Amino acid sequence: MQVLLDEAVPVIAFYFGLPGQQLLSRIQAAGTFTMGTVTCLQEAQKLQAAGKSCGASNTERWLH
């Protein structure tokens, strides 16, 4: 992850889980846009809770 931050990668997508809030905060501070996908309701809720740090998500199917 440090390489992505050092290289100022513009977008980071998470497909298998969501990193902790500390790492999400570092990614956000670097100006990197984040995206994530979910496979169940619990993951959708976690991604939604991280919403201020996560720029895009695929939670609508699970939360509606």
PDB file of N, CA and C in Angstrom:
ATOM      1  N   MET A   1       0.826  -1.181   0.000  1.00  0.00           N
ATOM      2  CA  MET A   1       0.000   0.000   0.000  1.00  0.00           C
ATOM      3  C   MET A   1       0.877   1.253   0.000  1.00  0.00           C
ATOM      4  N   GLN A   2       1.998   1.186   0.684  1.00  0.00           N
ATOM      5  CA  GLN A   2       2.870   2.359   0.749  1.00  0.00           C
ATOM      6  C   GLN A   2       3.344   2.784  -0.642  1.00  0.00           C
ATOM      7  N   VAL A   3       3.617   1.821  -1.505  1.00  0.00           N
ATOM      8  CA  VAL A   3       4.038   2.135  -2.871  1.00  0.00           C
ATOM      9  C   VAL A   3       2.943   2.915  -3.592  1.00  0.00           C
ATOM     10  N   LEU A   4       1.696   2.501  -3.426  1.00  0.00           N
ATOM     11  CA  LEU A   4       0.583   3.209  -4.069  1.00  0.00           C
ATOM     12  C   LEU A   4       0.494   4.645  -3.576  1.00  0.00           C
ATOM     13  N   LEU A   5       0.703   4.837  -2.283  1.00  0.00           N
ATOM     14  CA  LEU A   5       0.670   6.193  -1.723  1.00  0.00           C
ATOM     15  C   LEU A   5       1.876   7.006  -2.194  1.00  0.00           C
ATOM     16  N   ASP A   6       3.045   6.388  -2.199  1.00  0.00           N
ATOM     17  CA  ASP A   6       4.261   7.089  -2.639  1.00  0.00           C
ATOM     18  C   ASP A   6       4.187   7.507  -4.098  1.00  0.00           C
ATOM     19  N   GLU A   7       3.561   6.671  -4.920  1.00  0.00           N
ATOM     20  CA  GLU A   7       3.463   6.948  -6.355  1.00  0.00           C
ATOM     21  C   GLU A   7       2.251   7.798  -6.720  1.00  0.00           C
ATOM     22  N   ALA A   8       1.482   8.211  -5.732  1.00  0.00           N
ATOM     23  CA  ALA A   8       0.299   9.062  -5.938  1.00  0.00           C
ATOM     24  C   ALA A   8      -0.667   8.456  -6.957  1.00  0.00           C
ATOM     25  N   VAL A   9      -0.942   7.173  -6.796  1.00  0.00           N
ATOM     26  CA  VAL A   9      -1.917   6.494  -7.655  1.00  0.00           C
ATOM     27  C   VAL A   9      -3.271   7.180  -7.459  1.00  0.00           C
ATOM     28  N   PRO A  10      -3.955   7.575  -8.539  1.00  0.00           N
ATOM     29  CA  PRO A  10      -5.180   8.367  -8.386  1.00  0.00           C
ATOM     30  C   PRO A  10      -6.389   7.599  -7.860  1.00  0.00           C
ATOM     31  N   VAL A  11      -6.435   6.267  -8.079  1.00  0.00           N
ATOM     32  CA  VAL A  11      -7.588   5.472  -7.659  1.00  0.00           C
ATOM     33  C   VAL A  11      -7.101   4.145  -7.080  1.00  0.00           C
ATOM     34  N   ILE A  12      -7.677   3.767  -5.946  1.00  0.00           N
ATOM     35  CA  ILE A  12      -7.425   2.458  -5.362  1.00  0.00           C
ATOM     36  C   ILE A  12      -8.780   1.793  -5.150  1.00  0.00           C
ATOM     37  N   ALA A  13      -8.915   0.562  -5.650  1.00  0.00           N
ATOM     38  CA  ALA A  13     -10.161  -0.184  -5.500  1.00  0.00           C
ATOM     39  C   ALA A  13      -9.919  -1.397  -4.610  1.00  0.00           C
ATOM     40  N   PHE A  14     -10.873  -1.655  -3.736  1.00  0.00           N
ATOM     41  CA  PHE A  14     -10.809  -2.793  -2.825  1.00  0.00           C
ATOM     42  C   PHE A  14     -11.894  -3.785  -3.218  1.00  0.00           C
ATOM     43  N   TYR A  15     -11.496  -5.015  -3.441  1.00  0.00           N
ATOM     44  CA  TYR A  15     -12.442  -6.039  -3.863  1.00  0.00           C
ATOM     45  C   TYR A  15     -12.631  -7.142  -2.839  1.00  0.00           C
ATOM     46  N   PHE A  16     -11.691  -7.326  -1.963  1.00  0.00           N
ATOM     47  CA  PHE A  16     -11.784  -8.378  -0.955  1.00  0.00           C
ATOM     48  C   PHE A  16     -11.543  -7.760   0.409  1.00  0.00           C
ATOM     49  N   GLY A  17     -12.578  -7.194   0.983  1.00  0.00           N
ATOM     50  CA  GLY A  17     -12.457  -6.554   2.288  1.00  0.00           C
ATOM     51  C   GLY A  17     -12.141  -5.076   2.176  1.00  0.00           C
ATOM     52  N   LEU A  18     -12.162  -4.441   3.305  1.00  0.00           N
ATOM     53  CA  LEU A  18     -11.937  -3.003   3.394  1.00  0.00           C
ATOM     54  C   LEU A  18     -10.844  -2.766   4.424  1.00  0.00           C
ATOM     55  N   PRO A  19      -9.851  -1.941   4.096  1.00  0.00           N
ATOM     56  CA  PRO A  19      -8.794  -1.684   5.076  1.00  0.00           C
ATOM     57  C   PRO A  19      -9.332  -0.898   6.271  1.00  0.00           C
ATOM     58  N   GLY A  20      -8.558  -0.866   7.307  1.00  0.00           N
ATOM     59  CA  GLY A  20      -8.948  -0.145   8.508  1.00  0.00           C
ATOM     60  C   GLY A  20      -9.046   1.356   8.290  1.00  0.00           C
ATOM     61  N   GLN A  21      -9.698   2.023   9.231  1.00  0.00           N
ATOM     62  CA  GLN A  21      -9.931   3.457   9.112  1.00  0.00           C
ATOM     63  C   GLN A  21      -8.633   4.257   9.055  1.00  0.00           C
ATOM     64  N   GLN A  22      -7.608   3.805   9.767  1.00  0.00           N
ATOM     65  CA  GLN A  22      -6.327   4.528   9.745  1.00  0.00           C
ATOM     66  C   GLN A  22      -5.738   4.554   8.337  1.00  0.00           C
ATOM     67  N   LEU A  23      -5.741   3.409   7.672  1.00  0.00           N
ATOM     68  CA  LEU A  23      -5.222   3.354   6.308  1.00  0.00           C
ATOM     69  C   LEU A  23      -6.119   4.135   5.358  1.00  0.00           C
ATOM     70  N   LEU A  24      -7.428   4.025   5.497  1.00  0.00           N
ATOM     71  CA  LEU A  24      -8.336   4.805   4.654  1.00  0.00           C
ATOM     72  C   LEU A  24      -8.092   6.301   4.820  1.00  0.00           C
ATOM     73  N   SER A  25      -7.807   6.727   6.032  1.00  0.00           N
ATOM     74  CA  SER A  25      -7.513   8.143   6.283  1.00  0.00           C
ATOM     75  C   SER A  25      -6.229   8.565   5.580  1.00  0.00           C
ATOM     76  N   ARG A  26      -5.217   7.708   5.582  1.00  0.00           N
ATOM     77  CA  ARG A  26      -3.961   8.018   4.881  1.00  0.00           C
ATOM     78  C   ARG A  26      -4.194   8.107   3.379  1.00  0.00           C
ATOM     79  N   ILE A  27      -5.002   7.198   2.857  1.00  0.00           N
ATOM     80  CA  ILE A  27      -5.310   7.214   1.426  1.00  0.00           C
ATOM     81  C   ILE A  27      -6.050   8.495   1.067  1.00  0.00           C
ATOM     82  N   GLN A  28      -7.024   8.866   1.878  1.00  0.00           N
ATOM     83  CA  GLN A  28      -7.791  10.084   1.640  1.00  0.00           C
ATOM     84  C   GLN A  28      -6.887  11.311   1.719  1.00  0.00           C
ATOM     85  N   ALA A  29      -5.993  11.348   2.704  1.00  0.00           N
ATOM     86  CA  ALA A  29      -5.081  12.488   2.861  1.00  0.00           C
ATOM     87  C   ALA A  29      -4.167  12.636   1.648  1.00  0.00           C
ATOM     88  N   ALA A  30      -3.878  11.532   0.975  1.00  0.00           N
ATOM     89  CA  ALA A  30      -3.039  11.575  -0.227  1.00  0.00           C
ATOM     90  C   ALA A  30      -3.819  12.039  -1.452  1.00  0.00           C
ATOM     91  N   GLY A  31      -5.134  12.226  -1.292  1.00  0.00           N
ATOM     92  CA  GLY A  31      -5.959  12.675  -2.404  1.00  0.00           C
ATOM     93  C   GLY A  31      -6.347  11.560  -3.356  1.00  0.00           C
ATOM     94  N   THR A  32      -6.236  10.328  -2.917  1.00  0.00           N
ATOM     95  CA  THR A  32      -6.565   9.174  -3.747  1.00  0.00           C
ATOM     96  C   THR A  32      -8.050   8.841  -3.619  1.00  0.00           C
ATOM     97  N   PHE A  33      -8.691   8.599  -4.749  1.00  0.00           N
ATOM     98  CA  PHE A  33     -10.094   8.219  -4.792  1.00  0.00           C
ATOM     99  C   PHE A  33     -10.175   6.728  -4.520  1.00  0.00           C
ATOM    100  N   THR A  34     -11.086   6.301  -3.658  1.00  0.00           N
ATOM    101  CA  THR A  34     -11.219   4.887  -3.336  1.00  0.00           C
ATOM    102  C   THR A  34     -12.564   4.343  -3.798  1.00  0.00           C
ATOM    103  N   MET A  35     -12.551   3.062  -4.132  1.00  0.00           N
ATOM    104  CA  MET A  35     -13.764   2.354  -4.518  1.00  0.00           C
ATOM    105  C   MET A  35     -13.746   0.987  -3.851  1.00  0.00           C
ATOM    106  N   GLY A  36     -14.913   0.403  -3.694  1.00  0.00           N
ATOM    107  CA  GLY A  36     -14.979  -0.929  -3.123  1.00  0.00           C
ATOM    108  C   GLY A  36     -16.212  -1.665  -3.587  1.00  0.00           C
ATOM    109  N   THR A  37     -16.149  -2.970  -3.562  1.00  0.00           N
ATOM    110  CA  THR A  37     -17.300  -3.799  -3.883  1.00  0.00           C
ATOM    111  C   THR A  37     -17.603  -4.685  -2.684  1.00  0.00           C
ATOM    112  N   VAL A  38     -18.811  -5.183  -2.643  1.00  0.00           N
ATOM    113  CA  VAL A  38     -19.236  -6.015  -1.525  1.00  0.00           C
ATOM    114  C   VAL A  38     -19.918  -7.268  -2.044  1.00  0.00           C
ATOM    115  N   THR A  39     -19.953  -8.294  -1.191  1.00  0.00           N
ATOM    116  CA  THR A  39     -20.595  -9.541  -1.572  1.00  0.00           C
ATOM    117  C   THR A  39     -21.705  -9.952  -0.614  1.00  0.00           C
ATOM    118  N   CYS A  40     -21.909  -9.167   0.442  1.00  0.00           N
ATOM    119  CA  CYS A  40     -22.969  -9.491   1.392  1.00  0.00           C
ATOM    120  C   CYS A  40     -23.389  -8.228   2.146  1.00  0.00           C
ATOM    121  N   LEU A  41     -24.466  -8.327   2.889  1.00  0.00           N
ATOM    122  CA  LEU A  41     -25.003  -7.190   3.623  1.00  0.00           C
ATOM    123  C   LEU A  41     -23.991  -6.630   4.623  1.00  0.00           C
ATOM    124  N   GLN A  42     -23.295  -7.495   5.340  1.00  0.00           N
ATOM    125  CA  GLN A  42     -22.347  -7.029   6.344  1.00  0.00           C
ATOM    126  C   GLN A  42     -21.223  -6.197   5.713  1.00  0.00           C
ATOM    127  N   GLU A  43     -20.719  -6.635   4.575  1.00  0.00           N
ATOM    128  CA  GLU A  43     -19.695  -5.865   3.881  1.00  0.00           C
ATOM    129  C   GLU A  43     -20.258  -4.536   3.392  1.00  0.00           C
ATOM    130  N   ALA A  44     -21.501  -4.538   2.914  1.00  0.00           N
ATOM    131  CA  ALA A  44     -22.138  -3.303   2.456  1.00  0.00           C
ATOM    132  C   ALA A  44     -22.257  -2.309   3.597  1.00  0.00           C
ATOM    133  N   GLN A  45     -22.619  -2.786   4.766  1.00  0.00           N
ATOM    134  CA  GLN A  45     -22.746  -1.900   5.926  1.00  0.00           C
ATOM    135  C   GLN A  45     -21.394  -1.329   6.335  1.00  0.00           C
ATOM    136  N   LYS A  46     -20.348  -2.143   6.304  1.00  0.00           N
ATOM    137  CA  LYS A  46     -19.005  -1.656   6.635  1.00  0.00           C
ATOM    138  C   LYS A  46     -18.538  -0.612   5.628  1.00  0.00           C
ATOM    139  N   LEU A  47     -18.789  -0.879   4.345  1.00  0.00           N
ATOM    140  CA  LEU A  47     -18.379   0.069   3.315  1.00  0.00           C
ATOM    141  C   LEU A  47     -19.156   1.370   3.437  1.00  0.00           C
ATOM    142  N   GLN A  48     -20.435   1.259   3.731  1.00  0.00           N
ATOM    143  CA  GLN A  48     -21.255   2.460   3.908  1.00  0.00           C
ATOM    144  C   GLN A  48     -20.773   3.257   5.115  1.00  0.00           C
ATOM    145  N   ALA A  49     -20.400   2.572   6.192  1.00  0.00           N
ATOM    146  CA  ALA A  49     -19.905   3.249   7.391  1.00  0.00           C
ATOM    147  C   ALA A  49     -18.598   3.983   7.107  1.00  0.00           C
ATOM    148  N   ALA A  50     -17.814   3.474   6.173  1.00  0.00           N
ATOM    149  CA  ALA A  50     -16.554   4.121   5.801  1.00  0.00           C
ATOM    150  C   ALA A  50     -16.776   5.174   4.724  1.00  0.00           C
ATOM    151  N   GLY A  51     -18.018   5.492   4.433  1.00  0.00           N
ATOM    152  CA  GLY A  51     -18.397   6.355   3.318  1.00  0.00           C
ATOM    153  C   GLY A  51     -17.652   7.649   3.171  1.00  0.00           C
ATOM    154  N   LYS A  52     -17.282   8.277   4.259  1.00  0.00           N
ATOM    155  CA  LYS A  52     -16.563   9.549   4.150  1.00  0.00           C
ATOM    156  C   LYS A  52     -15.174   9.346   3.568  1.00  0.00           C
ATOM    157  N   SER A  53     -14.630   8.142   3.717  1.00  0.00           N
ATOM    158  CA  SER A  53     -13.302   7.859   3.188  1.00  0.00           C
ATOM    159  C   SER A  53     -13.359   7.130   1.863  1.00  0.00           C
ATOM    160  N   CYS A  54     -14.467   6.519   1.581  1.00  0.00           N
ATOM    161  CA  CYS A  54     -14.583   5.710   0.372  1.00  0.00           C
ATOM    162  C   CYS A  54     -15.381   6.479  -0.665  1.00  0.00           C
ATOM    163  N   GLY A  55     -14.770   6.766  -1.797  1.00  0.00           N
ATOM    164  CA  GLY A  55     -15.402   7.608  -2.791  1.00  0.00           C
ATOM    165  C   GLY A  55     -16.542   6.966  -3.543  1.00  0.00           C
ATOM    166  N   ALA A  56     -16.485   5.694  -3.803  1.00  0.00           N
ATOM    167  CA  ALA A  56     -17.537   5.013  -4.558  1.00  0.00           C
ATOM    168  C   ALA A  56     -17.724   3.620  -3.989  1.00  0.00           C
ATOM    169  N   SER A  57     -18.934   3.143  -4.090  1.00  0.00           N
ATOM    170  CA  SER A  57     -19.191   1.805  -3.573  1.00  0.00           C
ATOM    171  C   SER A  57     -20.297   1.137  -4.375  1.00  0.00           C
ATOM    172  N   ASN A  58     -20.399  -0.141  -4.193  1.00  0.00           N
ATOM    173  CA  ASN A  58     -21.434  -0.920  -4.857  1.00  0.00           C
ATOM    174  C   ASN A  58     -22.311  -1.540  -3.769  1.00  0.00           C
ATOM    175  N   THR A  59     -23.020  -0.693  -3.010  1.00  0.00           N
ATOM    176  CA  THR A  59     -23.798  -1.181  -1.880  1.00  0.00           C
ATOM    177  C   THR A  59     -25.296  -1.189  -2.135  1.00  0.00           C
ATOM    178  N   GLU A  60     -25.767  -0.563  -3.198  1.00  0.00           N
ATOM    179  CA  GLU A  60     -27.192  -0.392  -3.387  1.00  0.00           C
ATOM    180  C   GLU A  60     -27.960  -1.705  -3.390  1.00  0.00           C
ATOM    181  N   ARG A  61     -27.412  -2.733  -4.012  1.00  0.00           N
ATOM    182  CA  ARG A  61     -28.107  -4.016  -4.073  1.00  0.00           C
ATOM    183  C   ARG A  61     -28.382  -4.572  -2.678  1.00  0.00           C
ATOM    184  N   TRP A  62     -27.468  -4.371  -1.765  1.00  0.00           N
ATOM    185  CA  TRP A  62     -27.579  -4.950  -0.442  1.00  0.00           C
ATOM    186  C   TRP A  62     -28.338  -4.067   0.536  1.00  0.00           C
ATOM    187  N   LEU A  63     -28.360  -2.779   0.311  1.00  0.00           N
ATOM    188  CA  LEU A  63     -28.952  -1.865   1.294  1.00  0.00           C
ATOM    189  C   LEU A  63     -30.359  -1.418   0.934  1.00  0.00           C
ATOM    190  N   HIS A  64     -30.882  -1.845  -0.200  1.00  0.00           N
ATOM    191  CA  HIS A  64     -32.256  -1.445  -0.590  1.00  0.00           C
ATOM    192  C   HIS A  64     -33.146  -2.645  -0.714  1.00  0.00           C
TER     193      HIS A  64
END
